[in-house]
PDB file of N, CA and C in Angstrom:
ATOM      1  N   ASP A   1     -12.125 -62.566 -41.989  1.00  0.00           N
ATOM      2  CA  ASP A   1     -11.591 -61.091 -42.238  1.00  0.00           C
ATOM      3  C   ASP A   1     -12.719 -60.085 -41.170  1.00  0.00           C
ATOM      4  N   PHE A   2     -12.125 -59.423 -40.128  1.00  0.00           N
ATOM      5  CA  PHE A   2     -13.059 -58.574 -39.263  1.00  0.00           C
ATOM      6  C   PHE A   2     -12.848 -57.142 -39.496  1.00  0.00           C
ATOM      7  N   ASP A   3     -12.305 -56.662 -40.520  1.00  0.00           N
ATOM      8  CA  ASP A   3     -11.915 -55.284 -40.936  1.00  0.00           C
ATOM      9  C   ASP A   3     -13.204 -54.312 -40.560  1.00  0.00           C
ATOM     10  N   ASP A   4     -14.255 -54.890 -40.991  1.00  0.00           N
ATOM     11  CA  ASP A   4     -15.448 -53.922 -40.751  1.00  0.00           C
ATOM     12  C   ASP A   4     -15.862 -53.702 -39.269  1.00  0.00           C
ATOM     13  N   MET A   5     -15.717 -54.885 -38.530  1.00  0.00           N
ATOM     14  CA  MET A   5     -15.986 -54.764 -36.902  1.00  0.00           C
ATOM     15  C   MET A   5     -14.855 -53.980 -36.296  1.00  0.00           C
ATOM     16  N   ILE A   6     -13.556 -54.132 -36.848  1.00  0.00           N
ATOM     17  CA  ILE A   6     -12.420 -53.303 -36.116  1.00  0.00           C
ATOM     18  C   ILE A   6     -12.717 -52.028 -36.372  1.00  0.00           C
ATOM     19  N   ASN A   7     -13.008 -51.357 -37.722  1.00  0.00           N
ATOM     20  CA  ASN A   7     -13.284 -50.198 -38.143  1.00  0.00           C
ATOM     21  C   ASN A   7     -14.269 -49.463 -37.406  1.00  0.00           C
ATOM     22  N   TRP A   8     -15.448 -50.413 -36.999  1.00  0.00           N
ATOM     23  CA  TRP A   8     -16.629 -49.720 -36.265  1.00  0.00           C
ATOM     24  C   TRP A   8     -16.175 -49.497 -34.949  1.00  0.00           C
ATOM     25  N   VAL A   9     -15.399 -50.311 -34.140  1.00  0.00           N
ATOM     26  CA  VAL A   9     -14.949 -50.134 -32.765  1.00  0.00           C
ATOM     27  C   VAL A   9     -14.036 -49.006 -32.712  1.00  0.00           C
ATOM     28  N   ILE A  10     -13.109 -48.768 -33.567  1.00  0.00           N
ATOM     29  CA  ILE A  10     -12.325 -47.397 -33.755  1.00  0.00           C
ATOM     30  C   ILE A  10     -13.358 -46.260 -33.818  1.00  0.00           C
ATOM     31  N   ARG A  11     -14.154 -46.368 -34.749  1.00  0.00           N
ATOM     32  CA  ARG A  11     -15.082 -45.170 -34.902  1.00  0.00           C
ATOM     33  C   ARG A  11     -15.832 -44.825 -33.722  1.00  0.00           C
ATOM     34  N   VAL A  12     -16.424 -45.769 -32.981  1.00  0.00           N
ATOM     35  CA  VAL A  12     -17.004 -45.671 -31.817  1.00  0.00           C
ATOM     36  C   VAL A  12     -16.199 -45.144 -30.815  1.00  0.00           C
ATOM     37  N   PHE A  13     -15.218 -45.620 -30.589  1.00  0.00           N
ATOM     38  CA  PHE A  13     -14.155 -44.992 -29.801  1.00  0.00           C
ATOM     39  C   PHE A  13     -13.819 -43.482 -29.808  1.00  0.00           C
ATOM     40  N   GLU A  14     -13.665 -43.206 -31.023  1.00  0.00           N
ATOM     41  CA  GLU A  14     -13.250 -41.926 -31.384  1.00  0.00           C
ATOM     42  C   GLU A  14     -14.316 -41.059 -31.400  1.00  0.00           C
ATOM     43  N   GLU A  15     -15.461 -41.312 -31.710  1.00  0.00           N
ATOM     44  CA  GLU A  15     -16.864 -40.481 -31.700  1.00  0.00           C
ATOM     45  C   GLU A  15     -17.371 -40.427 -30.531  1.00  0.00           C
ATOM     46  N   HIS A  16     -17.142 -41.389 -29.478  1.00  0.00           N
ATOM     47  CA  HIS A  16     -17.832 -41.466 -28.242  1.00  0.00           C
ATOM     48  C   HIS A  16     -16.802 -41.552 -27.068  1.00  0.00           C
ATOM     49  N   PRO A  17     -16.206 -40.432 -26.499  1.00  0.00           N
ATOM     50  CA  PRO A  17     -15.092 -40.655 -25.523  1.00  0.00           C
ATOM     51  C   PRO A  17     -15.464 -41.335 -24.267  1.00  0.00           C
ATOM     52  N   GLN A  18     -16.712 -41.289 -24.062  1.00  0.00           N
ATOM     53  CA  GLN A  18     -17.223 -42.020 -22.755  1.00  0.00           C
ATOM     54  C   GLN A  18     -17.306 -43.305 -22.923  1.00  0.00           C
ATOM     55  N   VAL A  19     -17.609 -43.940 -24.107  1.00  0.00           N
ATOM     56  CA  VAL A  19     -17.360 -45.427 -24.288  1.00  0.00           C
ATOM     57  C   VAL A  19     -16.048 -46.066 -24.293  1.00  0.00           C
ATOM     58  N   LEU A  20     -14.993 -44.998 -24.781  1.00  0.00           N
ATOM     59  CA  LEU A  20     -13.535 -45.417 -24.903  1.00  0.00           C
ATOM     60  C   LEU A  20     -13.105 -45.377 -23.433  1.00  0.00           C
ATOM     61  N   SER A  21     -13.466 -44.373 -22.635  1.00  0.00           N
ATOM     62  CA  SER A  21     -13.107 -44.195 -21.331  1.00  0.00           C
ATOM     63  C   SER A  21     -13.634 -45.596 -20.480  1.00  0.00           C
ATOM     64  N   ASN A  22     -14.757 -45.897 -20.628  1.00  0.00           N
ATOM     65  CA  ASN A  22     -15.147 -47.047 -20.009  1.00  0.00           C
ATOM     66  C   ASN A  22     -14.346 -48.337 -20.124  1.00  0.00           C
ATOM     67  N   TYR A  23     -13.968 -48.612 -21.336  1.00  0.00           N
ATOM     68  CA  TYR A  23     -13.031 -49.658 -21.838  1.00  0.00           C
ATOM     69  C   TYR A  23     -11.815 -49.654 -21.073  1.00  0.00           C
ATOM     70  N   GLN A  24     -11.189 -48.170 -21.358  1.00  0.00           N
ATOM     71  CA  GLN A  24      -9.943 -48.054 -20.809  1.00  0.00           C
ATOM     72  C   GLN A  24      -9.758 -48.288 -19.414  1.00  0.00           C
ATOM     73  N   GLU A  25     -10.797 -47.880 -18.575  1.00  0.00           N
ATOM     74  CA  GLU A  25     -10.671 -48.164 -17.114  1.00  0.00           C
ATOM     75  C   GLU A  25     -10.986 -49.510 -16.767  1.00  0.00           C
ATOM     76  N   LYS A  26     -11.769 -50.519 -17.611  1.00  0.00           N
ATOM     77  CA  LYS A  26     -12.027 -51.801 -17.535  1.00  0.00           C
ATOM     78  C   LYS A  26     -10.812 -52.487 -17.902  1.00  0.00           C
ATOM     79  N   PHE A  27     -10.047 -52.236 -18.728  1.00  0.00           N
ATOM     80  CA  PHE A  27      -8.767 -52.995 -19.302  1.00  0.00           C
ATOM     81  C   PHE A  27      -7.419 -52.443 -18.821  1.00  0.00           C
ATOM     82  N   GLN A  28      -7.174 -52.716 -17.572  1.00  0.00           N
ATOM     83  CA  GLN A  28      -6.149 -51.984 -16.973  1.00  0.00           C
ATOM     84  C   GLN A  28      -4.672 -52.637 -17.476  1.00  0.00           C
ATOM     85  N   TYR A  29      -4.891 -53.974 -17.958  1.00  0.00           N
ATOM     86  CA  TYR A  29      -3.757 -54.659 -18.344  1.00  0.00           C
ATOM     87  C   TYR A  29      -3.963 -55.246 -19.696  1.00  0.00           C
ATOM     88  N   ILE A  30      -3.067 -55.069 -20.631  1.00  0.00           N
ATOM     89  CA  ILE A  30      -3.270 -55.592 -21.996  1.00  0.00           C
ATOM     90  C   ILE A  30      -2.109 -56.474 -22.384  1.00  0.00           C
ATOM     91  N   LEU A  31      -2.505 -57.626 -22.963  1.00  0.00           N
ATOM     92  CA  LEU A  31      -1.467 -58.487 -23.489  1.00  0.00           C
ATOM     93  C   LEU A  31      -2.035 -58.763 -25.148  1.00  0.00           C
ATOM     94  N   VAL A  32      -0.871 -58.342 -26.034  1.00  0.00           N
ATOM     95  CA  VAL A  32      -1.074 -58.662 -27.306  1.00  0.00           C
ATOM     96  C   VAL A  32      -0.260 -59.815 -27.723  1.00  0.00           C
ATOM     97  N   ASP A  33      -0.629 -60.956 -28.097  1.00  0.00           N
ATOM     98  CA  ASP A  33       0.142 -62.019 -28.424  1.00  0.00           C
ATOM     99  C   ASP A  33      -0.038 -62.046 -30.063  1.00  0.00           C
ATOM    100  N   GLU A  34       0.999 -62.597 -30.826  1.00  0.00           N
ATOM    101  CA  GLU A  34       1.375 -62.608 -32.226  1.00  0.00           C
ATOM    102  C   GLU A  34       1.429 -61.154 -32.924  1.00  0.00           C
ATOM    103  N   PHE A  35       1.890 -60.306 -32.011  1.00  0.00           N
ATOM    104  CA  PHE A  35       1.798 -58.717 -32.360  1.00  0.00           C
ATOM    105  C   PHE A  35       2.407 -58.658 -33.619  1.00  0.00           C
ATOM    106  N   GLN A  36       3.326 -59.571 -34.219  1.00  0.00           N
ATOM    107  CA  GLN A  36       3.864 -59.396 -35.532  1.00  0.00           C
ATOM    108  C   GLN A  36       2.589 -59.530 -36.498  1.00  0.00           C
ATOM    109  N   ASP A  37       1.687 -59.830 -36.298  1.00  0.00           N
ATOM    110  CA  ASP A  37       0.591 -60.097 -37.343  1.00  0.00           C
ATOM    111  C   ASP A  37      -0.469 -59.118 -37.204  1.00  0.00           C
ATOM    112  N   THR A  38      -0.272 -57.974 -36.460  1.00  0.00           N
ATOM    113  CA  THR A  38      -1.437 -56.987 -36.198  1.00  0.00           C
ATOM    114  C   THR A  38      -1.378 -56.157 -37.250  1.00  0.00           C
ATOM    115  N   SER A  39      -2.529 -55.613 -37.663  1.00  0.00           N
ATOM    116  CA  SER A  39      -2.554 -54.687 -38.660  1.00  0.00           C
ATOM    117  C   SER A  39      -2.697 -53.246 -38.248  1.00  0.00           C
ATOM    118  N   GLY A  40      -2.684 -52.147 -39.101  1.00  0.00           N
ATOM    119  CA  GLY A  40      -2.611 -50.788 -38.548  1.00  0.00           C
ATOM    120  C   GLY A  40      -3.831 -50.606 -37.448  1.00  0.00           C
ATOM    121  N   THR A  41      -5.204 -51.263 -38.143  1.00  0.00           N
ATOM    122  CA  THR A  41      -6.266 -50.907 -37.380  1.00  0.00           C
ATOM    123  C   THR A  41      -6.270 -51.609 -36.038  1.00  0.00           C
ATOM    124  N   GLN A  42      -5.856 -52.710 -36.107  1.00  0.00           N
ATOM    125  CA  GLN A  42      -5.698 -53.602 -34.715  1.00  0.00           C
ATOM    126  C   GLN A  42      -4.786 -52.678 -33.713  1.00  0.00           C
ATOM    127  N   ASN A  43      -3.713 -52.232 -34.204  1.00  0.00           N
ATOM    128  CA  ASN A  43      -2.846 -51.651 -33.567  1.00  0.00           C
ATOM    129  C   ASN A  43      -3.626 -50.305 -32.947  1.00  0.00           C
ATOM    130  N   ARG A  44      -4.257 -49.726 -33.640  1.00  0.00           N
ATOM    131  CA  ARG A  44      -5.073 -48.337 -33.336  1.00  0.00           C
ATOM    132  C   ARG A  44      -5.720 -48.738 -32.178  1.00  0.00           C
ATOM    133  N   ILE A  45      -6.629 -49.821 -32.027  1.00  0.00           N
ATOM    134  CA  ILE A  45      -7.279 -50.154 -30.932  1.00  0.00           C
ATOM    135  C   ILE A  45      -6.550 -50.214 -29.600  1.00  0.00           C
ATOM    136  N   VAL A  46      -5.492 -50.993 -29.671  1.00  0.00           N
ATOM    137  CA  VAL A  46      -4.486 -50.883 -28.600  1.00  0.00           C
ATOM    138  C   VAL A  46      -4.063 -49.459 -28.130  1.00  0.00           C
ATOM    139  N   GLU A  47      -3.535 -48.725 -29.266  1.00  0.00           N
ATOM    140  CA  GLU A  47      -3.113 -47.522 -28.886  1.00  0.00           C
ATOM    141  C   GLU A  47      -4.315 -46.591 -28.251  1.00  0.00           C
ATOM    142  N   LEU A  48      -5.517 -46.652 -28.618  1.00  0.00           N
ATOM    143  CA  LEU A  48      -6.595 -46.077 -27.947  1.00  0.00           C
ATOM    144  C   LEU A  48      -6.753 -46.465 -26.567  1.00  0.00           C
ATOM    145  N   LEU A  49      -6.784 -47.806 -26.347  1.00  0.00           N
ATOM    146  CA  LEU A  49      -7.062 -48.331 -24.972  1.00  0.00           C
ATOM    147  C   LEU A  49      -5.909 -47.752 -24.119  1.00  0.00           C
ATOM    148  N   ILE A  50      -4.648 -47.993 -24.541  1.00  0.00           N
ATOM    149  CA  ILE A  50      -3.651 -47.558 -23.508  1.00  0.00           C
ATOM    150  C   ILE A  50      -3.396 -46.156 -23.404  1.00  0.00           C
ATOM    151  N   HIS A  51      -3.962 -45.246 -24.129  1.00  0.00           N
ATOM    152  CA  HIS A  51      -3.506 -43.778 -24.244  1.00  0.00           C
ATOM    153  C   HIS A  51      -4.045 -43.186 -22.782  1.00  0.00           C
ATOM    154  N   TYR A  52      -4.917 -43.741 -22.161  1.00  0.00           N
ATOM    155  CA  TYR A  52      -5.570 -43.270 -21.097  1.00  0.00           C
ATOM    156  C   TYR A  52      -4.623 -43.142 -19.728  1.00  0.00           C
ATOM    157  N   TRP A  53      -3.655 -44.060 -19.796  1.00  0.00           N
ATOM    158  CA  TRP A  53      -2.771 -44.284 -18.653  1.00  0.00           C
ATOM    159  C   TRP A  53      -1.278 -43.535 -19.063  1.00  0.00           C
ATOM    160  N   ASP A  54      -0.605 -42.889 -18.021  1.00  0.00           N
ATOM    161  CA  ASP A  54       0.522 -42.176 -18.291  1.00  0.00           C
ATOM    162  C   ASP A  54       1.566 -43.141 -18.334  1.00  0.00           C
ATOM    163  N   GLN A  55       1.720 -44.180 -17.764  1.00  0.00           N
ATOM    164  CA  GLN A  55       2.260 -45.493 -17.792  1.00  0.00           C
ATOM    165  C   GLN A  55       1.558 -46.737 -18.244  1.00  0.00           C
ATOM    166  N   PRO A  56       1.198 -47.228 -19.370  1.00  0.00           N
ATOM    167  CA  PRO A  56       0.305 -48.258 -19.610  1.00  0.00           C
ATOM    168  C   PRO A  56       0.880 -49.586 -19.307  1.00  0.00           C
ATOM    169  N   ASN A  57      -0.142 -50.406 -18.684  1.00  0.00           N
ATOM    170  CA  ASN A  57       0.288 -51.736 -18.455  1.00  0.00           C
ATOM    171  C   ASN A  57       0.075 -52.685 -19.963  1.00  0.00           C
ATOM    172  N   VAL A  58       0.813 -52.584 -20.740  1.00  0.00           N
ATOM    173  CA  VAL A  58       0.856 -53.346 -22.199  1.00  0.00           C
ATOM    174  C   VAL A  58       1.841 -54.223 -22.287  1.00  0.00           C
ATOM    175  N   PHE A  59       1.768 -55.265 -22.696  1.00  0.00           N
ATOM    176  CA  PHE A  59       2.890 -56.464 -23.049  1.00  0.00           C
ATOM    177  C   PHE A  59       2.460 -56.866 -24.366  1.00  0.00           C
ATOM    178  N   VAL A  60       3.404 -56.764 -25.164  1.00  0.00           N
ATOM    179  CA  VAL A  60       3.270 -57.413 -26.320  1.00  0.00           C
ATOM    180  C   VAL A  60       4.270 -58.652 -26.876  1.00  0.00           C
ATOM    181  N   VAL A  61       3.853 -59.587 -27.439  1.00  0.00           N
ATOM    182  CA  VAL A  61       4.787 -60.617 -27.813  1.00  0.00           C
ATOM    183  C   VAL A  61       4.692 -60.915 -29.449  1.00  0.00           C
ATOM    184  N   GLY A  62       5.847 -61.046 -29.822  1.00  0.00           N
ATOM    185  CA  GLY A  62       5.658 -61.203 -31.312  1.00  0.00           C
ATOM    186  C   GLY A  62       7.179 -61.468 -31.886  1.00  0.00           C
ATOM    187  N   ASP A  63       7.170 -62.119 -32.987  1.00  0.00           N
ATOM    188  CA  ASP A  63       8.391 -62.511 -33.768  1.00  0.00           C
ATOM    189  C   ASP A  63       8.458 -62.141 -35.056  1.00  0.00           C
ATOM    190  N   ASP A  64       9.200 -61.055 -35.436  1.00  0.00           N
ATOM    191  CA  ASP A  64       9.490 -60.334 -36.588  1.00  0.00           C
ATOM    192  C   ASP A  64       9.706 -61.413 -37.798  1.00  0.00           C
ATOM    193  N   ASP A  65      10.346 -62.518 -37.416  1.00  0.00           N
ATOM    194  CA  ASP A  65      10.669 -63.459 -38.477  1.00  0.00           C
ATOM    195  C   ASP A  65       9.370 -64.400 -38.752  1.00  0.00           C
ATOM    196  N   GLN A  66       8.504 -64.147 -38.045  1.00  0.00           N
ATOM    197  CA  GLN A  66       7.221 -64.997 -38.166  1.00  0.00           C
ATOM    198  C   GLN A  66       6.120 -64.424 -38.955  1.00  0.00           C
ATOM    199  N   SER A  67       6.089 -63.227 -39.196  1.00  0.00           N
ATOM    200  CA  SER A  67       4.979 -62.506 -39.760  1.00  0.00           C
ATOM    201  C   SER A  67       4.459 -62.964 -41.161  1.00  0.00           C
ATOM    202  N   ILE A  68       3.341 -63.483 -40.898  1.00  0.00           N
ATOM    203  CA  ILE A  68       2.799 -64.403 -42.050  1.00  0.00           C
ATOM    204  C   ILE A  68       1.342 -63.691 -42.500  1.00  0.00           C
ATOM    205  N   PHE A  69       0.938 -62.722 -41.904  1.00  0.00           N
ATOM    206  CA  PHE A  69      -0.336 -62.239 -42.237  1.00  0.00           C
ATOM    207  C   PHE A  69      -0.472 -60.875 -43.071  1.00  0.00           C
ATOM    208  N   ARG A  70       0.470 -60.701 -43.717  1.00  0.00           N
ATOM    209  CA  ARG A  70       0.678 -59.413 -44.573  1.00  0.00           C
ATOM    210  C   ARG A  70      -0.371 -59.244 -45.696  1.00  0.00           C
ATOM    211  N   PHE A  71      -1.022 -60.276 -46.022  1.00  0.00           N
ATOM    212  CA  PHE A  71      -2.157 -60.170 -46.997  1.00  0.00           C
ATOM    213  C   PHE A  71      -3.339 -59.713 -46.229  1.00  0.00           C
ATOM    214  N   GLN A  72      -3.452 -59.734 -44.850  1.00  0.00           N
ATOM    215  CA  GLN A  72      -4.628 -59.086 -44.216  1.00  0.00           C
ATOM    216  C   GLN A  72      -4.226 -57.815 -43.469  1.00  0.00           C
ATOM    217  N   GLY A  73      -3.146 -57.291 -43.992  1.00  0.00           N
ATOM    218  CA  GLY A  73      -2.681 -56.003 -43.605  1.00  0.00           C
ATOM    219  C   GLY A  73      -1.684 -55.938 -42.320  1.00  0.00           C
ATOM    220  N   ALA A  74      -1.132 -57.086 -41.732  1.00  0.00           N
ATOM    221  CA  ALA A  74      -0.175 -56.942 -40.839  1.00  0.00           C
ATOM    222  C   ALA A  74       0.783 -56.048 -41.268  1.00  0.00           C
ATOM    223  N   ASN A  75       1.554 -55.310 -40.474  1.00  0.00           N
ATOM    224  CA  ASN A  75       2.397 -54.428 -40.562  1.00  0.00           C
ATOM    225  C   ASN A  75       3.748 -54.593 -39.538  1.00  0.00           C
ATOM    226  N   ILE A  76       4.868 -55.066 -39.976  1.00  0.00           N
ATOM    227  CA  ILE A  76       6.012 -55.398 -39.240  1.00  0.00           C
ATOM    228  C   ILE A  76       6.255 -53.971 -38.452  1.00  0.00           C
ATOM    229  N   GLU A  77       5.907 -52.869 -39.035  1.00  0.00           N
ATOM    230  CA  GLU A  77       6.459 -51.613 -38.537  1.00  0.00           C
ATOM    231  C   GLU A  77       5.561 -51.422 -37.341  1.00  0.00           C
ATOM    232  N   ASN A  78       4.571 -52.122 -36.841  1.00  0.00           N
ATOM    233  CA  ASN A  78       3.912 -52.053 -35.482  1.00  0.00           C
ATOM    234  C   ASN A  78       5.162 -52.338 -34.527  1.00  0.00           C
ATOM    235  N   MET A  79       5.640 -53.257 -34.683  1.00  0.00           N
ATOM    236  CA  MET A  79       6.759 -53.759 -33.745  1.00  0.00           C
ATOM    237  C   MET A  79       7.883 -52.817 -33.473  1.00  0.00           C
ATOM    238  N   LEU A  80       8.256 -52.191 -34.508  1.00  0.00           N
ATOM    239  CA  LEU A  80       9.399 -51.176 -34.533  1.00  0.00           C
ATOM    240  C   LEU A  80       8.795 -50.025 -33.772  1.00  0.00           C
ATOM    241  N   HIS A  81       7.714 -49.688 -33.903  1.00  0.00           N
ATOM    242  CA  HIS A  81       7.196 -48.517 -33.602  1.00  0.00           C
ATOM    243  C   HIS A  81       6.975 -48.768 -31.931  1.00  0.00           C
TER     244      HIS A  81
END
């Protein structure tokens, strides 16, 4: 379980825009595999990274019939959003 580390990254990105900007420019293409198993906090990191671009280069792969990590906070609503 990496919740504490994920929350730390979100906090740093939100409190230090220059750090977020550095990563937004560094990662111009983002691929998220097994997207059906992402939690709200994991999805927040993706949202923060792609927010920099008017038309972000983000590709997510997931199968809503295979969502198996609900016990870790995975939220199928991420796919619908």
